[in-house]
Amino acid sequence: VTVYPVKGKMKKVEVVALDIEANYVVGTILEVTHR
């Protein structure tokens, strides 16, 4: 996982994943940030 600062109080997170892991990564992002 790579994290970069972006404009404002945000961070850009990048993940390289196998095809079978991609949906899990997206789901995890949604779960953590949905609030």
PDB file of all heavy atoms in Angstrom:
ATOM      1  N   VAL A   1       0.848  -1.187   0.000  1.00  0.00           N
ATOM      2  CA  VAL A   1       0.000   0.000   0.000  1.00  0.00           C
ATOM      3  C   VAL A   1       0.887   1.241   0.000  1.00  0.00           C
ATOM      4  O   VAL A   1       1.838   1.334   0.766  1.00  0.00           O
ATOM      5  CB  VAL A   1      -0.928   0.011   1.241  1.00  0.00           C
ATOM      6  CG1 VAL A   1      -1.796   1.251   1.267  1.00  0.00           C
ATOM      7  CG2 VAL A   1      -1.768  -1.255   1.285  1.00  0.00           C
ATOM      8  N   THR A   2       0.557   2.178  -0.876  1.00  0.00           N
ATOM      9  CA  THR A   2       1.294   3.432  -0.961  1.00  0.00           C
ATOM     10  C   THR A   2       0.342   4.572  -0.637  1.00  0.00           C
ATOM     11  O   THR A   2      -0.794   4.584  -1.120  1.00  0.00           O
ATOM     12  CB  THR A   2       1.878   3.630  -2.370  1.00  0.00           C
ATOM     13  OG1 THR A   2       2.676   2.492  -2.702  1.00  0.00           O
ATOM     14  CG2 THR A   2       2.747   4.879  -2.439  1.00  0.00           C
ATOM     15  N   VAL A   3       0.802   5.537   0.162  1.00  0.00           N
ATOM     16  CA  VAL A   3      -0.035   6.666   0.566  1.00  0.00           C
ATOM     17  C   VAL A   3       0.668   7.965   0.165  1.00  0.00           C
ATOM     18  O   VAL A   3       1.848   8.151   0.452  1.00  0.00           O
ATOM     19  CB  VAL A   3      -0.287   6.648   2.092  1.00  0.00           C
ATOM     20  CG1 VAL A   3      -1.150   7.835   2.503  1.00  0.00           C
ATOM     21  CG2 VAL A   3      -0.915   5.328   2.517  1.00  0.00           C
ATOM     22  N   TYR A   4      -0.071   8.851  -0.502  1.00  0.00           N
ATOM     23  CA  TYR A   4       0.431  10.146  -0.940  1.00  0.00           C
ATOM     24  C   TYR A   4      -0.438  11.263  -0.368  1.00  0.00           C
ATOM     25  O   TYR A   4      -1.654  11.104  -0.286  1.00  0.00           O
ATOM     26  CB  TYR A   4       0.341  10.292  -2.464  1.00  0.00           C
ATOM     27  CG  TYR A   4       1.077   9.268  -3.255  1.00  0.00           C
ATOM     28  CD1 TYR A   4       0.416   8.153  -3.766  1.00  0.00           C
ATOM     29  CD2 TYR A   4       2.426   9.420  -3.534  1.00  0.00           C
ATOM     30  CE1 TYR A   4       1.081   7.216  -4.521  1.00  0.00           C
ATOM     31  CE2 TYR A   4       3.096   8.487  -4.291  1.00  0.00           C
ATOM     32  CZ  TYR A   4       2.421   7.385  -4.792  1.00  0.00           C
ATOM     33  OH  TYR A   4       3.078   6.455  -5.539  1.00  0.00           O
ATOM     34  N   PRO A   5       0.158  12.406  -0.057  1.00  0.00           N
ATOM     35  CA  PRO A   5      -0.671  13.556   0.313  1.00  0.00           C
ATOM     36  C   PRO A   5      -1.293  14.165  -0.951  1.00  0.00           C
ATOM     37  O   PRO A   5      -0.682  14.144  -2.014  1.00  0.00           O
ATOM     38  CB  PRO A   5       0.323  14.529   0.951  1.00  0.00           C
ATOM     39  CG  PRO A   5       1.651  14.161   0.363  1.00  0.00           C
ATOM     40  CD  PRO A   5       1.587  12.696   0.050  1.00  0.00           C
ATOM     41  N   VAL A   6      -2.518  14.658  -0.825  1.00  0.00           N
ATOM     42  CA  VAL A   6      -3.162  15.391  -1.907  1.00  0.00           C
ATOM     43  C   VAL A   6      -3.735  16.680  -1.336  1.00  0.00           C
ATOM     44  O   VAL A   6      -3.775  16.862  -0.121  1.00  0.00           O
ATOM     45  CB  VAL A   6      -4.268  14.562  -2.610  1.00  0.00           C
ATOM     46  CG1 VAL A   6      -3.684  13.374  -3.331  1.00  0.00           C
ATOM     47  CG2 VAL A   6      -5.341  14.125  -1.652  1.00  0.00           C
ATOM     48  N   LYS A   7      -4.185  17.553  -2.193  1.00  0.00           N
ATOM     49  CA  LYS A   7      -4.677  18.854  -1.767  1.00  0.00           C
ATOM     50  C   LYS A   7      -5.773  18.725  -0.708  1.00  0.00           C
ATOM     51  O   LYS A   7      -6.652  17.892  -0.807  1.00  0.00           O
ATOM     52  CB  LYS A   7      -5.222  19.608  -2.978  1.00  0.00           C
ATOM     53  CG  LYS A   7      -5.576  21.037  -2.692  1.00  0.00           C
ATOM     54  CD  LYS A   7      -6.005  21.736  -3.960  1.00  0.00           C
ATOM     55  CE  LYS A   7      -6.329  23.181  -3.671  1.00  0.00           C
ATOM     56  NZ  LYS A   7      -6.735  23.890  -4.876  1.00  0.00           N
ATOM     57  N   GLY A   8      -5.710  19.561   0.276  1.00  0.00           N
ATOM     58  CA  GLY A   8      -6.689  19.534   1.350  1.00  0.00           C
ATOM     59  C   GLY A   8      -6.264  18.553   2.429  1.00  0.00           C
ATOM     60  O   GLY A   8      -5.097  18.224   2.570  1.00  0.00           O
ATOM     61  N   LYS A   9      -7.209  18.080   3.177  1.00  0.00           N
ATOM     62  CA  LYS A   9      -6.926  17.148   4.270  1.00  0.00           C
ATOM     63  C   LYS A   9      -7.177  15.713   3.818  1.00  0.00           C
ATOM     64  O   LYS A   9      -7.780  14.921   4.521  1.00  0.00           O
ATOM     65  CB  LYS A   9      -7.788  17.480   5.475  1.00  0.00           C
ATOM     66  CG  LYS A   9      -7.458  18.819   6.075  1.00  0.00           C
ATOM     67  CD  LYS A   9      -8.282  19.070   7.298  1.00  0.00           C
ATOM     68  CE  LYS A   9      -7.881  20.400   7.912  1.00  0.00           C
ATOM     69  NZ  LYS A   9      -8.612  20.687   9.117  1.00  0.00           N
ATOM     70  N   MET A  10      -6.723  15.424   2.590  1.00  0.00           N
ATOM     71  CA  MET A  10      -6.955  14.101   2.024  1.00  0.00           C
ATOM     72  C   MET A  10      -5.629  13.390   1.788  1.00  0.00           C
ATOM     73  O   MET A  10      -4.580  14.005   1.741  1.00  0.00           O
ATOM     74  CB  MET A  10      -7.687  14.211   0.681  1.00  0.00           C
ATOM     75  CG  MET A  10      -8.992  14.977   0.732  1.00  0.00           C
ATOM     76  SD  MET A  10     -10.304  14.041   1.507  1.00  0.00           S
ATOM     77  CE  MET A  10     -10.756  12.992   0.170  1.00  0.00           C
ATOM     78  N   LYS A  11      -5.725  12.074   1.638  1.00  0.00           N
ATOM     79  CA  LYS A  11      -4.592  11.242   1.259  1.00  0.00           C
ATOM     80  C   LYS A  11      -5.035  10.359   0.107  1.00  0.00           C
ATOM     81  O   LYS A  11      -6.188   9.933   0.032  1.00  0.00           O
ATOM     82  CB  LYS A  11      -4.140  10.334   2.411  1.00  0.00           C
ATOM     83  CG  LYS A  11      -3.610  11.076   3.616  1.00  0.00           C
ATOM     84  CD  LYS A  11      -2.223  11.579   3.358  1.00  0.00           C
ATOM     85  CE  LYS A  11      -1.659  12.198   4.631  1.00  0.00           C
ATOM     86  NZ  LYS A  11      -0.318  12.659   4.480  1.00  0.00           N
ATOM     87  N   LYS A  12      -4.107  10.090  -0.803  1.00  0.00           N
ATOM     88  CA  LYS A  12      -4.359   9.162  -1.888  1.00  0.00           C
ATOM     89  C   LYS A  12      -3.716   7.832  -1.503  1.00  0.00           C
ATOM     90  O   LYS A  12      -2.526   7.784  -1.189  1.00  0.00           O
ATOM     91  CB  LYS A  12      -3.776   9.672  -3.197  1.00  0.00           C
ATOM     92  CG  LYS A  12      -4.006   8.744  -4.359  1.00  0.00           C
ATOM     93  CD  LYS A  12      -3.410   9.355  -5.614  1.00  0.00           C
ATOM     94  CE  LYS A  12      -3.605   8.448  -6.799  1.00  0.00           C
ATOM     95  NZ  LYS A  12      -2.979   9.030  -7.999  1.00  0.00           N
ATOM     96  N   VAL A  13      -4.487   6.767  -1.532  1.00  0.00           N
ATOM     97  CA  VAL A  13      -4.008   5.442  -1.180  1.00  0.00           C
ATOM     98  C   VAL A  13      -4.046   4.594  -2.440  1.00  0.00           C
ATOM     99  O   VAL A  13      -5.059   4.575  -3.149  1.00  0.00           O
ATOM    100  CB  VAL A  13      -4.890   4.799  -0.085  1.00  0.00           C
ATOM    101  CG1 VAL A  13      -4.404   3.406   0.252  1.00  0.00           C
ATOM    102  CG2 VAL A  13      -4.917   5.686   1.160  1.00  0.00           C
ATOM    103  N   GLU A  14      -2.935   3.905  -2.732  1.00  0.00           N
ATOM    104  CA  GLU A  14      -2.867   3.025  -3.897  1.00  0.00           C
ATOM    105  C   GLU A  14      -2.537   1.610  -3.447  1.00  0.00           C
ATOM    106  O   GLU A  14      -1.659   1.411  -2.603  1.00  0.00           O
ATOM    107  CB  GLU A  14      -1.779   3.487  -4.867  1.00  0.00           C
ATOM    108  CG  GLU A  14      -2.049   4.814  -5.510  1.00  0.00           C
ATOM    109  CD  GLU A  14      -0.963   5.209  -6.507  1.00  0.00           C
ATOM    110  OE1 GLU A  14       0.050   4.489  -6.630  1.00  0.00           O
ATOM    111  OE2 GLU A  14      -1.128   6.248  -7.158  1.00  0.00           O
ATOM    112  N   VAL A  15      -3.217   0.647  -4.035  1.00  0.00           N
ATOM    113  CA  VAL A  15      -2.989  -0.762  -3.735  1.00  0.00           C
ATOM    114  C   VAL A  15      -2.945  -1.515  -5.058  1.00  0.00           C
ATOM    115  O   VAL A  15      -3.841  -1.344  -5.893  1.00  0.00           O
ATOM    116  CB  VAL A  15      -4.128  -1.360  -2.873  1.00  0.00           C
ATOM    117  CG1 VAL A  15      -3.864  -2.823  -2.571  1.00  0.00           C
ATOM    118  CG2 VAL A  15      -4.327  -0.567  -1.603  1.00  0.00           C
ATOM    119  N   VAL A  16      -1.911  -2.331  -5.249  1.00  0.00           N
ATOM    120  CA  VAL A  16      -1.878  -3.245  -6.383  1.00  0.00           C
ATOM    121  C   VAL A  16      -2.292  -4.610  -5.855  1.00  0.00           C
ATOM    122  O   VAL A  16      -1.711  -5.120  -4.907  1.00  0.00           O
ATOM    123  CB  VAL A  16      -0.473  -3.308  -7.027  1.00  0.00           C
ATOM    124  CG1 VAL A  16      -0.427  -4.361  -8.114  1.00  0.00           C
ATOM    125  CG2 VAL A  16      -0.089  -1.943  -7.583  1.00  0.00           C
ATOM    126  N   ALA A  17      -3.337  -5.179  -6.453  1.00  0.00           N
ATOM    127  CA  ALA A  17      -3.906  -6.426  -5.954  1.00  0.00           C
ATOM    128  C   ALA A  17      -4.146  -7.393  -7.101  1.00  0.00           C
ATOM    129  O   ALA A  17      -4.354  -6.980  -8.252  1.00  0.00           O
ATOM    130  CB  ALA A  17      -5.225  -6.141  -5.235  1.00  0.00           C
ATOM    131  N   LEU A  18      -4.145  -8.667  -6.769  1.00  0.00           N
ATOM    132  CA  LEU A  18      -4.552  -9.680  -7.733  1.00  0.00           C
ATOM    133  C   LEU A  18      -6.014  -9.470  -8.068  1.00  0.00           C
ATOM    134  O   LEU A  18      -6.775  -8.891  -7.283  1.00  0.00           O
ATOM    135  CB  LEU A  18      -4.345 -11.078  -7.146  1.00  0.00           C
ATOM    136  CG  LEU A  18      -2.916 -11.420  -6.726  1.00  0.00           C
ATOM    137  CD1 LEU A  18      -2.890 -12.792  -6.071  1.00  0.00           C
ATOM    138  CD2 LEU A  18      -1.975 -11.374  -7.915  1.00  0.00           C
ATOM    139  N   ASP A  19      -6.431  -9.936  -9.233  1.00  0.00           N
ATOM    140  CA  ASP A  19      -7.822  -9.758  -9.648  1.00  0.00           C
ATOM    141  C   ASP A  19      -8.799 -10.287  -8.597  1.00  0.00           C
ATOM    142  O   ASP A  19      -9.821  -9.651  -8.332  1.00  0.00           O
ATOM    143  CB  ASP A  19      -8.076 -10.464 -10.986  1.00  0.00           C
ATOM    144  CG  ASP A  19      -7.379  -9.769 -12.147  1.00  0.00           C
ATOM    145  OD1 ASP A  19      -7.100  -8.558 -12.039  1.00  0.00           O
ATOM    146  OD2 ASP A  19      -7.132 -10.433 -13.163  1.00  0.00           O
ATOM    147  N   ILE A  20      -8.480 -11.415  -7.989  1.00  0.00           N
ATOM    148  CA  ILE A  20      -9.386 -12.001  -7.005  1.00  0.00           C
ATOM    149  C   ILE A  20      -9.437 -11.206  -5.704  1.00  0.00           C
ATOM    150  O   ILE A  20     -10.370 -11.374  -4.920  1.00  0.00           O
ATOM    151  CB  ILE A  20      -9.041 -13.477  -6.715  1.00  0.00           C
ATOM    152  CG1 ILE A  20      -7.630 -13.595  -6.156  1.00  0.00           C
ATOM    153  CG2 ILE A  20      -9.209 -14.330  -7.945  1.00  0.00           C
ATOM    154  CD1 ILE A  20      -7.279 -14.993  -5.678  1.00  0.00           C
ATOM    155  N   GLU A  21      -8.458 -10.349  -5.461  1.00  0.00           N
ATOM    156  CA  GLU A  21      -8.430  -9.524  -4.248  1.00  0.00           C
ATOM    157  C   GLU A  21      -9.054  -8.143  -4.444  1.00  0.00           C
ATOM    158  O   GLU A  21      -9.377  -7.468  -3.479  1.00  0.00           O
ATOM    159  CB  GLU A  21      -6.983  -9.311  -3.784  1.00  0.00           C
ATOM    160  CG  GLU A  21      -6.243 -10.559  -3.418  1.00  0.00           C
ATOM    161  CD  GLU A  21      -4.773 -10.291  -3.157  1.00  0.00           C
ATOM    162  OE1 GLU A  21      -4.171  -9.421  -3.825  1.00  0.00           O
ATOM    163  OE2 GLU A  21      -4.224 -10.965  -2.274  1.00  0.00           O
ATOM    164  N   ALA A  22      -9.207  -7.715  -5.696  1.00  0.00           N
ATOM    165  CA  ALA A  22      -9.618  -6.335  -5.982  1.00  0.00           C
ATOM    166  C   ALA A  22     -10.967  -5.987  -5.360  1.00  0.00           C
ATOM    167  O   ALA A  22     -11.116  -4.920  -4.758  1.00  0.00           O
ATOM    168  CB  ALA A  22      -9.637  -6.083  -7.484  1.00  0.00           C
ATOM    169  N   ASN A  23     -11.946  -6.860  -5.502  1.00  0.00           N
ATOM    170  CA  ASN A  23     -13.263  -6.570  -4.915  1.00  0.00           C
ATOM    171  C   ASN A  23     -13.187  -6.483  -3.401  1.00  0.00           C
ATOM    172  O   ASN A  23     -13.877  -5.673  -2.781  1.00  0.00           O
ATOM    173  CB  ASN A  23     -14.289  -7.621  -5.334  1.00  0.00           C
ATOM    174  CG  ASN A  23     -14.732  -7.433  -6.765  1.00  0.00           C
ATOM    175  OD1 ASN A  23     -14.655  -6.347  -7.319  1.00  0.00           O
ATOM    176  ND2 ASN A  23     -15.191  -8.510  -7.372  1.00  0.00           N
ATOM    177  N   TYR A  24     -12.352  -7.313  -2.782  1.00  0.00           N
ATOM    178  CA  TYR A  24     -12.189  -7.257  -1.335  1.00  0.00           C
ATOM    179  C   TYR A  24     -11.587  -5.914  -0.917  1.00  0.00           C
ATOM    180  O   TYR A  24     -12.034  -5.304   0.051  1.00  0.00           O
ATOM    181  CB  TYR A  24     -11.308  -8.399  -0.831  1.00  0.00           C
ATOM    182  CG  TYR A  24     -11.026  -8.254   0.630  1.00  0.00           C
ATOM    183  CD1 TYR A  24     -11.989  -8.575   1.574  1.00  0.00           C
ATOM    184  CD2 TYR A  24      -9.819  -7.713   1.076  1.00  0.00           C
ATOM    185  CE1 TYR A  24     -11.764  -8.389   2.926  1.00  0.00           C
ATOM    186  CE2 TYR A  24      -9.578  -7.536   2.421  1.00  0.00           C
ATOM    187  CZ  TYR A  24     -10.555  -7.869   3.334  1.00  0.00           C
ATOM    188  OH  TYR A  24     -10.318  -7.670   4.663  1.00  0.00           O
ATOM    189  N   VAL A  25     -10.568  -5.450  -1.660  1.00  0.00           N
ATOM    190  CA  VAL A  25      -9.935  -4.169  -1.340  1.00  0.00           C
ATOM    191  C   VAL A  25     -10.957  -3.041  -1.452  1.00  0.00           C
ATOM    192  O   VAL A  25     -11.063  -2.200  -0.556  1.00  0.00           O
ATOM    193  CB  VAL A  25      -8.712  -3.914  -2.240  1.00  0.00           C
ATOM    194  CG1 VAL A  25      -8.176  -2.501  -2.043  1.00  0.00           C
ATOM    195  CG2 VAL A  25      -7.616  -4.945  -1.973  1.00  0.00           C
ATOM    196  N   VAL A  26     -11.721  -3.017  -2.531  1.00  0.00           N
ATOM    197  CA  VAL A  26     -12.745  -1.976  -2.710  1.00  0.00           C
ATOM    198  C   VAL A  26     -13.770  -2.050  -1.583  1.00  0.00           C
ATOM    199  O   VAL A  26     -14.153  -1.032  -1.003  1.00  0.00           O
ATOM    200  CB  VAL A  26     -13.418  -2.101  -4.090  1.00  0.00           C
ATOM    201  CG1 VAL A  26     -14.638  -1.189  -4.185  1.00  0.00           C
ATOM    202  CG2 VAL A  26     -12.426  -1.776  -5.198  1.00  0.00           C
ATOM    203  N   GLY A  27     -14.206  -3.256  -1.238  1.00  0.00           N
ATOM    204  CA  GLY A  27     -15.163  -3.423  -0.146  1.00  0.00           C
ATOM    205  C   GLY A  27     -14.622  -2.933   1.175  1.00  0.00           C
ATOM    206  O   GLY A  27     -15.349  -2.312   1.963  1.00  0.00           O
ATOM    207  N   THR A  28     -13.355  -3.194   1.426  1.00  0.00           N
ATOM    208  CA  THR A  28     -12.728  -2.738   2.668  1.00  0.00           C
ATOM    209  C   THR A  28     -12.661  -1.217   2.709  1.00  0.00           C
ATOM    210  O   THR A  28     -12.941  -0.599   3.738  1.00  0.00           O
ATOM    211  CB  THR A  28     -11.322  -3.349   2.818  1.00  0.00           C
ATOM    212  OG1 THR A  28     -11.435  -4.772   2.807  1.00  0.00           O
ATOM    213  CG2 THR A  28     -10.656  -2.897   4.102  1.00  0.00           C
ATOM    214  N   ILE A  29     -12.313  -0.602   1.598  1.00  0.00           N
ATOM    215  CA  ILE A  29     -12.272   0.861   1.530  1.00  0.00           C
ATOM    216  C   ILE A  29     -13.660   1.429   1.830  1.00  0.00           C
ATOM    217  O   ILE A  29     -13.809   2.359   2.630  1.00  0.00           O
ATOM    218  CB  ILE A  29     -11.771   1.340   0.155  1.00  0.00           C
ATOM    219  CG1 ILE A  29     -10.311   0.954  -0.048  1.00  0.00           C
ATOM    220  CG2 ILE A  29     -11.956   2.864   0.019  1.00  0.00           C
ATOM    221  CD1 ILE A  29      -9.825   1.109  -1.469  1.00  0.00           C
ATOM    222  N   LEU A  30     -14.676   0.869   1.207  1.00  0.00           N
ATOM    223  CA  LEU A  30     -16.046   1.344   1.440  1.00  0.00           C
ATOM    224  C   LEU A  30     -16.462   1.151   2.890  1.00  0.00           C
ATOM    225  O   LEU A  30     -17.092   2.033   3.486  1.00  0.00           O
ATOM    226  CB  LEU A  30     -17.017   0.620   0.508  1.00  0.00           C
ATOM    227  CG  LEU A  30     -16.919   0.990  -0.966  1.00  0.00           C
ATOM    228  CD1 LEU A  30     -17.764   0.051  -1.805  1.00  0.00           C
ATOM    229  CD2 LEU A  30     -17.309   2.437  -1.191  1.00  0.00           C
ATOM    230  N   GLU A  31     -16.101   0.022   3.458  1.00  0.00           N
ATOM    231  CA  GLU A  31     -16.468  -0.267   4.851  1.00  0.00           C
ATOM    232  C   GLU A  31     -15.829   0.727   5.815  1.00  0.00           C
ATOM    233  O   GLU A  31     -16.465   1.210   6.746  1.00  0.00           O
ATOM    234  CB  GLU A  31     -16.031  -1.681   5.198  1.00  0.00           C
ATOM    235  CG  GLU A  31     -16.446  -2.135   6.576  1.00  0.00           C
ATOM    236  CD  GLU A  31     -16.008  -3.566   6.832  1.00  0.00           C
ATOM    237  OE1 GLU A  31     -16.283  -4.421   5.987  1.00  0.00           O
ATOM    238  OE2 GLU A  31     -15.390  -3.800   7.881  1.00  0.00           O
ATOM    239  N   VAL A  32     -14.564   1.037   5.589  1.00  0.00           N
ATOM    240  CA  VAL A  32     -13.837   1.932   6.497  1.00  0.00           C
ATOM    241  C   VAL A  32     -14.274   3.379   6.326  1.00  0.00           C
ATOM    242  O   VAL A  32     -14.330   4.126   7.294  1.00  0.00           O
ATOM    243  CB  VAL A  32     -12.306   1.797   6.274  1.00  0.00           C
ATOM    244  CG1 VAL A  32     -11.539   2.880   7.000  1.00  0.00           C
ATOM    245  CG2 VAL A  32     -11.831   0.417   6.712  1.00  0.00           C
ATOM    246  N   THR A  33     -14.619   3.775   5.112  1.00  0.00           N
ATOM    247  CA  THR A  33     -14.861   5.197   4.838  1.00  0.00           C
ATOM    248  C   THR A  33     -16.328   5.568   4.646  1.00  0.00           C
ATOM    249  O   THR A  33     -16.623   6.738   4.430  1.00  0.00           O
ATOM    250  CB  THR A  33     -14.086   5.645   3.585  1.00  0.00           C
ATOM    251  OG1 THR A  33     -14.567   4.914   2.455  1.00  0.00           O
ATOM    252  CG2 THR A  33     -12.599   5.420   3.742  1.00  0.00           C
ATOM    253  N   HIS A  34     -17.247   4.645   4.728  1.00  0.00           N
ATOM    254  CA  HIS A  34     -18.642   4.932   4.387  1.00  0.00           C
ATOM    255  C   HIS A  34     -19.324   5.938   5.300  1.00  0.00           C
ATOM    256  O   HIS A  34     -20.331   6.506   4.933  1.00  0.00           O
ATOM    257  CB  HIS A  34     -19.462   3.636   4.373  1.00  0.00           C
ATOM    258  CG  HIS A  34     -19.852   3.156   5.729  1.00  0.00           C
ATOM    259  ND1 HIS A  34     -18.981   2.490   6.545  1.00  0.00           N
ATOM    260  CD2 HIS A  34     -21.019   3.272   6.414  1.00  0.00           C
ATOM    261  CE1 HIS A  34     -19.596   2.203   7.682  1.00  0.00           C
ATOM    262  NE2 HIS A  34     -20.824   2.653   7.635  1.00  0.00           N
ATOM    263  N   ARG A  35     -18.780   6.183   6.458  1.00  0.00           N
ATOM    264  CA  ARG A  35     -19.428   7.080   7.420  1.00  0.00           C
ATOM    265  C   ARG A  35     -19.370   8.546   7.002  1.00  0.00           C
ATOM    266  O   ARG A  35     -20.174   9.345   7.423  1.00  0.00           O
ATOM    267  CB  ARG A  35     -18.801   6.898   8.800  1.00  0.00           C
ATOM    268  CG  ARG A  35     -19.112   5.532   9.395  1.00  0.00           C
ATOM    269  CD  ARG A  35     -18.370   5.301  10.672  1.00  0.00           C
ATOM    270  NE  ARG A  35     -16.959   5.070  10.510  1.00  0.00           N
ATOM    271  CZ  ARG A  35     -16.406   3.929  10.082  1.00  0.00           C
ATOM    272  NH1 ARG A  35     -17.154   2.917   9.728  1.00  0.00           N
ATOM    273  NH2 ARG A  35     -15.099   3.800   9.983  1.00  0.00           N
TER     274      ARG A  35
END
